[in-house]
PDB file of all heavy atoms in Angstrom:
ATOM      1  N   LEU A   1       0.832  -1.207   0.000  1.00  0.00           N
ATOM      2  CA  LEU A   1       0.000   0.000   0.000  1.00  0.00           C
ATOM      3  C   LEU A   1       0.864   1.253   0.000  1.00  0.00           C
ATOM      4  O   LEU A   1       0.568   2.237  -0.690  1.00  0.00           O
ATOM      5  CB  LEU A   1      -0.927  -0.003   1.219  1.00  0.00           C
ATOM      6  CG  LEU A   1      -2.026  -1.069   1.269  1.00  0.00           C
ATOM      7  CD1 LEU A   1      -2.820  -0.933   2.568  1.00  0.00           C
ATOM      8  CD2 LEU A   1      -2.955  -0.949   0.068  1.00  0.00           C
ATOM      9  N   ARG A   2       1.942   1.210   0.787  1.00  0.00           N
ATOM     10  CA  ARG A   2       2.857   2.365   0.846  1.00  0.00           C
ATOM     11  C   ARG A   2       3.480   2.625  -0.523  1.00  0.00           C
ATOM     12  O   ARG A   2       3.598   3.783  -0.960  1.00  0.00           O
ATOM     13  CB  ARG A   2       3.953   2.092   1.874  1.00  0.00           C
ATOM     14  CG  ARG A   2       5.107   3.090   1.870  1.00  0.00           C
ATOM     15  CD  ARG A   2       4.639   4.450   2.331  1.00  0.00           C
ATOM     16  NE  ARG A   2       5.745   5.404   2.342  1.00  0.00           N
ATOM     17  CZ  ARG A   2       6.131   6.121   1.298  1.00  0.00           C
ATOM     18  NH1 ARG A   2       5.514   5.978   0.122  1.00  0.00           N
ATOM     19  NH2 ARG A   2       7.132   6.973   1.397  1.00  0.00           N
ATOM     20  N   CYS A   3       3.872   1.563  -1.212  1.00  0.00           N
ATOM     21  CA  CYS A   3       4.500   1.717  -2.527  1.00  0.00           C
ATOM     22  C   CYS A   3       3.515   2.261  -3.562  1.00  0.00           C
ATOM     23  O   CYS A   3       3.922   2.886  -4.546  1.00  0.00           O
ATOM     24  CB  CYS A   3       5.060   0.380  -3.012  1.00  0.00           C
ATOM     25  SG  CYS A   3       6.496  -0.194  -2.064  1.00  0.00           S
ATOM     26  N   MET A   4       2.222   2.048  -3.338  1.00  0.00           N
ATOM     27  CA  MET A   4       1.223   2.526  -4.277  1.00  0.00           C
ATOM     28  C   MET A   4       1.154   4.046  -4.317  1.00  0.00           C
ATOM     29  O   MET A   4       0.618   4.623  -5.257  1.00  0.00           O
ATOM     30  CB  MET A   4      -0.163   1.963  -3.921  1.00  0.00           C
ATOM     31  CG  MET A   4      -0.330   0.492  -4.245  1.00  0.00           C
ATOM     32  SD  MET A   4      -0.184   0.150  -6.009  1.00  0.00           S
ATOM     33  CE  MET A   4      -1.648   0.984  -6.616  1.00  0.00           C
ATOM     34  N   SER A   5       1.717   4.707  -3.324  1.00  0.00           N
ATOM     35  CA  SER A   5       1.724   6.183  -3.330  1.00  0.00           C
ATOM     36  C   SER A   5       2.699   6.726  -4.357  1.00  0.00           C
ATOM     37  O   SER A   5       2.710   7.919  -4.645  1.00  0.00           O
ATOM     38  CB  SER A   5       2.091   6.711  -1.931  1.00  0.00           C
ATOM     39  OG  SER A   5       3.398   6.301  -1.559  1.00  0.00           O
ATOM     40  N   HIS A   6       3.545   5.842  -4.890  1.00  0.00           N
ATOM     41  CA  HIS A   6       4.457   6.203  -5.974  1.00  0.00           C
ATOM     42  C   HIS A   6       4.080   5.375  -7.187  1.00  0.00           C
ATOM     43  O   HIS A   6       4.477   4.217  -7.300  1.00  0.00           O
ATOM     44  CB  HIS A   6       5.915   5.935  -5.583  1.00  0.00           C
ATOM     45  CG  HIS A   6       6.386   6.768  -4.449  1.00  0.00           C
ATOM     46  ND1 HIS A   6       6.786   8.072  -4.607  1.00  0.00           N
ATOM     47  CD2 HIS A   6       6.501   6.500  -3.127  1.00  0.00           C
ATOM     48  CE1 HIS A   6       7.143   8.565  -3.423  1.00  0.00           C
ATOM     49  NE2 HIS A   6       6.973   7.628  -2.516  1.00  0.00           N
ATOM     50  N   PRO A   7       3.296   5.917  -8.127  1.00  0.00           N
ATOM     51  CA  PRO A   7       2.840   5.146  -9.293  1.00  0.00           C
ATOM     52  C   PRO A   7       4.009   4.520 -10.055  1.00  0.00           C
ATOM     53  O   PRO A   7       5.088   5.081 -10.146  1.00  0.00           O
ATOM     54  CB  PRO A   7       2.131   6.208 -10.144  1.00  0.00           C
ATOM     55  CG  PRO A   7       1.712   7.261  -9.162  1.00  0.00           C
ATOM     56  CD  PRO A   7       2.806   7.288  -8.135  1.00  0.00           C
ATOM     57  N   ASP A   8       3.717   3.352 -10.616  1.00  0.00           N
ATOM     58  CA  ASP A   8       4.698   2.629 -11.430  1.00  0.00           C
ATOM     59  C   ASP A   8       5.961   2.268 -10.652  1.00  0.00           C
ATOM     60  O   ASP A   8       7.061   2.209 -11.195  1.00  0.00           O
ATOM     61  CB  ASP A   8       5.096   3.426 -12.673  1.00  0.00           C
ATOM     62  CG  ASP A   8       3.900   3.736 -13.560  1.00  0.00           C
ATOM     63  OD1 ASP A   8       3.012   2.867 -13.648  1.00  0.00           O
ATOM     64  OD2 ASP A   8       3.867   4.825 -14.146  1.00  0.00           O
ATOM     65  N   THR A   9       5.792   2.051  -9.344  1.00  0.00           N
ATOM     66  CA  THR A   9       6.928   1.622  -8.543  1.00  0.00           C
ATOM     67  C   THR A   9       7.425   0.258  -9.016  1.00  0.00           C
ATOM     68  O   THR A   9       6.637  -0.656  -9.221  1.00  0.00           O
ATOM     69  CB  THR A   9       6.540   1.519  -7.054  1.00  0.00           C
ATOM     70  OG1 THR A   9       6.159   2.806  -6.592  1.00  0.00           O
ATOM     71  CG2 THR A   9       7.716   1.015  -6.218  1.00  0.00           C
ATOM     72  N   VAL A  10       8.722   0.148  -9.215  1.00  0.00           N
ATOM     73  CA  VAL A  10       9.306  -1.113  -9.656  1.00  0.00           C
ATOM     74  C   VAL A  10      10.208  -1.660  -8.548  1.00  0.00           C
ATOM     75  O   VAL A  10      11.071  -0.947  -8.055  1.00  0.00           O
ATOM     76  CB  VAL A  10      10.123  -0.937 -10.952  1.00  0.00           C
ATOM     77  CG1 VAL A  10      10.763  -2.256 -11.353  1.00  0.00           C
ATOM     78  CG2 VAL A  10       9.239  -0.417 -12.081  1.00  0.00           C
ATOM     79  N   PHE A  11       9.980  -2.872  -8.143  1.00  0.00           N
ATOM     80  CA  PHE A  11      10.832  -3.496  -7.137  1.00  0.00           C
ATOM     81  C   PHE A  11      10.808  -4.994  -7.362  1.00  0.00           C
ATOM     82  O   PHE A  11      10.099  -5.497  -8.223  1.00  0.00           O
ATOM     83  CB  PHE A  11      10.364  -3.144  -5.715  1.00  0.00           C
ATOM     84  CG  PHE A  11       8.917  -3.445  -5.462  1.00  0.00           C
ATOM     85  CD1 PHE A  11       8.502  -4.730  -5.162  1.00  0.00           C
ATOM     86  CD2 PHE A  11       7.965  -2.447  -5.527  1.00  0.00           C
ATOM     87  CE1 PHE A  11       7.164  -5.010  -4.934  1.00  0.00           C
ATOM     88  CE2 PHE A  11       6.628  -2.722  -5.299  1.00  0.00           C
ATOM     89  CZ  PHE A  11       6.230  -3.988  -5.005  1.00  0.00           C
ATOM     90  N   SER A  12      11.610  -5.709  -6.606  1.00  0.00           N
ATOM     91  CA  SER A  12      11.710  -7.161  -6.767  1.00  0.00           C
ATOM     92  C   SER A  12      11.401  -7.853  -5.443  1.00  0.00           C
ATOM     93  O   SER A  12      11.334  -7.212  -4.387  1.00  0.00           O
ATOM     94  CB  SER A  12      13.115  -7.547  -7.242  1.00  0.00           C
ATOM     95  OG  SER A  12      14.069  -7.240  -6.234  1.00  0.00           O
ATOM     96  N   ILE A  13      11.204  -9.157  -5.528  1.00  0.00           N
ATOM     97  CA  ILE A  13      10.976  -9.948  -4.324  1.00  0.00           C
ATOM     98  C   ILE A  13      12.169  -9.810  -3.376  1.00  0.00           C
ATOM     99  O   ILE A  13      12.009  -9.706  -2.165  1.00  0.00           O
ATOM    100  CB  ILE A  13      10.768 -11.430  -4.687  1.00  0.00           C
ATOM    101  CG1 ILE A  13       9.481 -11.603  -5.514  1.00  0.00           C
ATOM    102  CG2 ILE A  13      10.684 -12.287  -3.427  1.00  0.00           C
ATOM    103  CD1 ILE A  13       8.223 -11.263  -4.782  1.00  0.00           C
ATOM    104  N   SER A  14      13.383  -9.800  -3.949  1.00  0.00           N
ATOM    105  CA  SER A  14      14.583  -9.682  -3.116  1.00  0.00           C
ATOM    106  C   SER A  14      14.635  -8.331  -2.412  1.00  0.00           C
ATOM    107  O   SER A  14      15.130  -8.227  -1.286  1.00  0.00           O
ATOM    108  CB  SER A  14      15.846  -9.901  -3.954  1.00  0.00           C
ATOM    109  OG  SER A  14      15.937  -8.934  -4.981  1.00  0.00           O
ATOM    110  N   ASP A  15      14.127  -7.274  -3.065  1.00  0.00           N
ATOM    111  CA  ASP A  15      14.097  -5.952  -2.429  1.00  0.00           C
ATOM    112  C   ASP A  15      13.201  -5.971  -1.193  1.00  0.00           C
ATOM    113  O   ASP A  15      13.553  -5.424  -0.142  1.00  0.00           O
ATOM    114  CB  ASP A  15      13.588  -4.898  -3.414  1.00  0.00           C
ATOM    115  CG  ASP A  15      14.560  -4.641  -4.551  1.00  0.00           C
ATOM    116  OD1 ASP A  15      15.775  -4.848  -4.334  1.00  0.00           O
ATOM    117  OD2 ASP A  15      14.124  -4.237  -5.642  1.00  0.00           O
ATOM    118  N   ILE A  16      12.022  -6.588  -1.336  1.00  0.00           N
ATOM    119  CA  ILE A  16      11.100  -6.672  -0.201  1.00  0.00           C
ATOM    120  C   ILE A  16      11.693  -7.535   0.916  1.00  0.00           C
ATOM    121  O   ILE A  16      11.595  -7.206   2.097  1.00  0.00           O
ATOM    122  CB  ILE A  16       9.742  -7.246  -0.646  1.00  0.00           C
ATOM    123  CG1 ILE A  16       9.152  -6.390  -1.773  1.00  0.00           C
ATOM    124  CG2 ILE A  16       8.773  -7.316   0.527  1.00  0.00           C
ATOM    125  CD1 ILE A  16       7.841  -6.927  -2.316  1.00  0.00           C
ATOM    126  N   ALA A  17      12.324  -8.649   0.527  1.00  0.00           N
ATOM    127  CA  ALA A  17      12.944  -9.538   1.525  1.00  0.00           C
ATOM    128  C   ALA A  17      14.015  -8.792   2.304  1.00  0.00           C
ATOM    129  O   ALA A  17      14.122  -8.927   3.532  1.00  0.00           O
ATOM    130  CB  ALA A  17      13.541 -10.756   0.816  1.00  0.00           C
ATOM    131  N   ASP A  18      14.807  -7.984   1.605  1.00  0.00           N
ATOM    132  CA  ASP A  18      15.869  -7.216   2.249  1.00  0.00           C
ATOM    133  C   ASP A  18      15.278  -6.158   3.165  1.00  0.00           C
ATOM    134  O   ASP A  18      15.804  -5.890   4.247  1.00  0.00           O
ATOM    135  CB  ASP A  18      16.753  -6.579   1.176  1.00  0.00           C
ATOM    136  CG  ASP A  18      17.993  -5.933   1.772  1.00  0.00           C
ATOM    137  OD1 ASP A  18      18.594  -6.526   2.683  1.00  0.00           O
ATOM    138  OD2 ASP A  18      18.363  -4.829   1.332  1.00  0.00           O
ATOM    139  N   LYS A  19      14.171  -5.561   2.756  1.00  0.00           N
ATOM    140  CA  LYS A  19      13.517  -4.515   3.540  1.00  0.00           C
ATOM    141  C   LYS A  19      13.105  -5.026   4.914  1.00  0.00           C
ATOM    142  O   LYS A  19      13.262  -4.337   5.928  1.00  0.00           O
ATOM    143  CB  LYS A  19      12.287  -4.014   2.772  1.00  0.00           C
ATOM    144  CG  LYS A  19      11.426  -3.004   3.495  1.00  0.00           C
ATOM    145  CD  LYS A  19      12.065  -1.639   3.499  1.00  0.00           C
ATOM    146  CE  LYS A  19      11.118  -0.614   4.119  1.00  0.00           C
ATOM    147  NZ  LYS A  19      11.745   0.728   4.161  1.00  0.00           N
ATOM    148  N   PHE A  20      12.575  -6.257   4.950  1.00  0.00           N
ATOM    149  CA  PHE A  20      12.055  -6.800   6.206  1.00  0.00           C
ATOM    150  C   PHE A  20      12.928  -7.903   6.799  1.00  0.00           C
ATOM    151  O   PHE A  20      12.515  -8.577   7.733  1.00  0.00           O
ATOM    152  CB  PHE A  20      10.633  -7.337   5.975  1.00  0.00           C
ATOM    153  CG  PHE A  20       9.628  -6.268   5.647  1.00  0.00           C
ATOM    154  CD1 PHE A  20       9.253  -6.037   4.335  1.00  0.00           C
ATOM    155  CD2 PHE A  20       9.092  -5.475   6.641  1.00  0.00           C
ATOM    156  CE1 PHE A  20       8.341  -5.044   4.021  1.00  0.00           C
ATOM    157  CE2 PHE A  20       8.181  -4.486   6.344  1.00  0.00           C
ATOM    158  CZ  PHE A  20       7.805  -4.258   5.027  1.00  0.00           C
ATOM    159  N   ASP A  21      14.114  -8.083   6.218  1.00  0.00           N
ATOM    160  CA  ASP A  21      15.025  -9.116   6.706  1.00  0.00           C
ATOM    161  C   ASP A  21      14.366 -10.488   6.661  1.00  0.00           C
ATOM    162  O   ASP A  21      14.491 -11.303   7.574  1.00  0.00           O
ATOM    163  CB  ASP A  21      15.486  -8.796   8.135  1.00  0.00           C
ATOM    164  CG  ASP A  21      16.826  -9.448   8.445  1.00  0.00           C
ATOM    165  OD1 ASP A  21      17.453  -9.982   7.510  1.00  0.00           O
ATOM    166  OD2 ASP A  21      17.245  -9.424   9.614  1.00  0.00           O
ATOM    167  N   HIS A  22      13.632 -10.740   5.554  1.00  0.00           N
ATOM    168  CA  HIS A  22      12.997 -12.034   5.323  1.00  0.00           C
ATOM    169  C   HIS A  22      13.775 -12.788   4.257  1.00  0.00           C
ATOM    170  O   HIS A  22      14.701 -12.260   3.646  1.00  0.00           O
ATOM    171  CB  HIS A  22      11.553 -11.857   4.826  1.00  0.00           C
ATOM    172  CG  HIS A  22      10.619 -11.353   5.866  1.00  0.00           C
ATOM    173  ND1 HIS A  22      10.910 -11.328   7.208  1.00  0.00           N
ATOM    174  CD2 HIS A  22       9.360 -10.834   5.757  1.00  0.00           C
ATOM    175  CE1 HIS A  22       9.882 -10.835   7.882  1.00  0.00           C
ATOM    176  NE2 HIS A  22       8.932 -10.513   7.018  1.00  0.00           N
ATOM    177  N   THR A  23      13.346 -14.009   3.997  1.00  0.00           N
ATOM    178  CA  THR A  23      13.824 -14.729   2.825  1.00  0.00           C
ATOM    179  C   THR A  23      12.832 -14.460   1.685  1.00  0.00           C
ATOM    180  O   THR A  23      11.690 -14.049   1.924  1.00  0.00           O
ATOM    181  CB  THR A  23      13.900 -16.247   3.077  1.00  0.00           C
ATOM    182  OG1 THR A  23      12.578 -16.745   3.321  1.00  0.00           O
ATOM    183  CG2 THR A  23      14.786 -16.543   4.287  1.00  0.00           C
ATOM    184  N   GLU A  24      13.260 -14.683   0.445  1.00  0.00           N
ATOM    185  CA  GLU A  24      12.368 -14.472  -0.688  1.00  0.00           C
ATOM    186  C   GLU A  24      11.167 -15.421  -0.607  1.00  0.00           C
ATOM    187  O   GLU A  24      10.058 -15.083  -1.030  1.00  0.00           O
ATOM    188  CB  GLU A  24      13.127 -14.693  -1.994  1.00  0.00           C
ATOM    189  CG  GLU A  24      14.165 -13.609  -2.264  1.00  0.00           C
ATOM    190  CD  GLU A  24      14.794 -13.749  -3.641  1.00  0.00           C
ATOM    191  OE1 GLU A  24      14.295 -14.544  -4.450  1.00  0.00           O
ATOM    192  OE2 GLU A  24      15.783 -13.047  -3.908  1.00  0.00           O
ATOM    193  N   LYS A  25      11.397 -16.607  -0.080  1.00  0.00           N
ATOM    194  CA  LYS A  25      10.312 -17.573   0.076  1.00  0.00           C
ATOM    195  C   LYS A  25       9.249 -17.033   1.024  1.00  0.00           C
ATOM    196  O   LYS A  25       8.044 -17.242   0.805  1.00  0.00           O
ATOM    197  CB  LYS A  25      10.884 -18.893   0.606  1.00  0.00           C
ATOM    198  CG  LYS A  25       9.869 -20.019   0.687  1.00  0.00           C
ATOM    199  CD  LYS A  25      10.542 -21.303   1.148  1.00  0.00           C
ATOM    200  CE  LYS A  25       9.546 -22.444   1.242  1.00  0.00           C
ATOM    201  NZ  LYS A  25      10.192 -23.705   1.713  1.00  0.00           N
TER     202      LYS A  25
END
């Protein structure tokens, strides 16, 4: 939802995993 405030936001699964210190799985 936060990313939706910036239209056409491009990111990857690895970016999100790194953001929250998760694994891609």
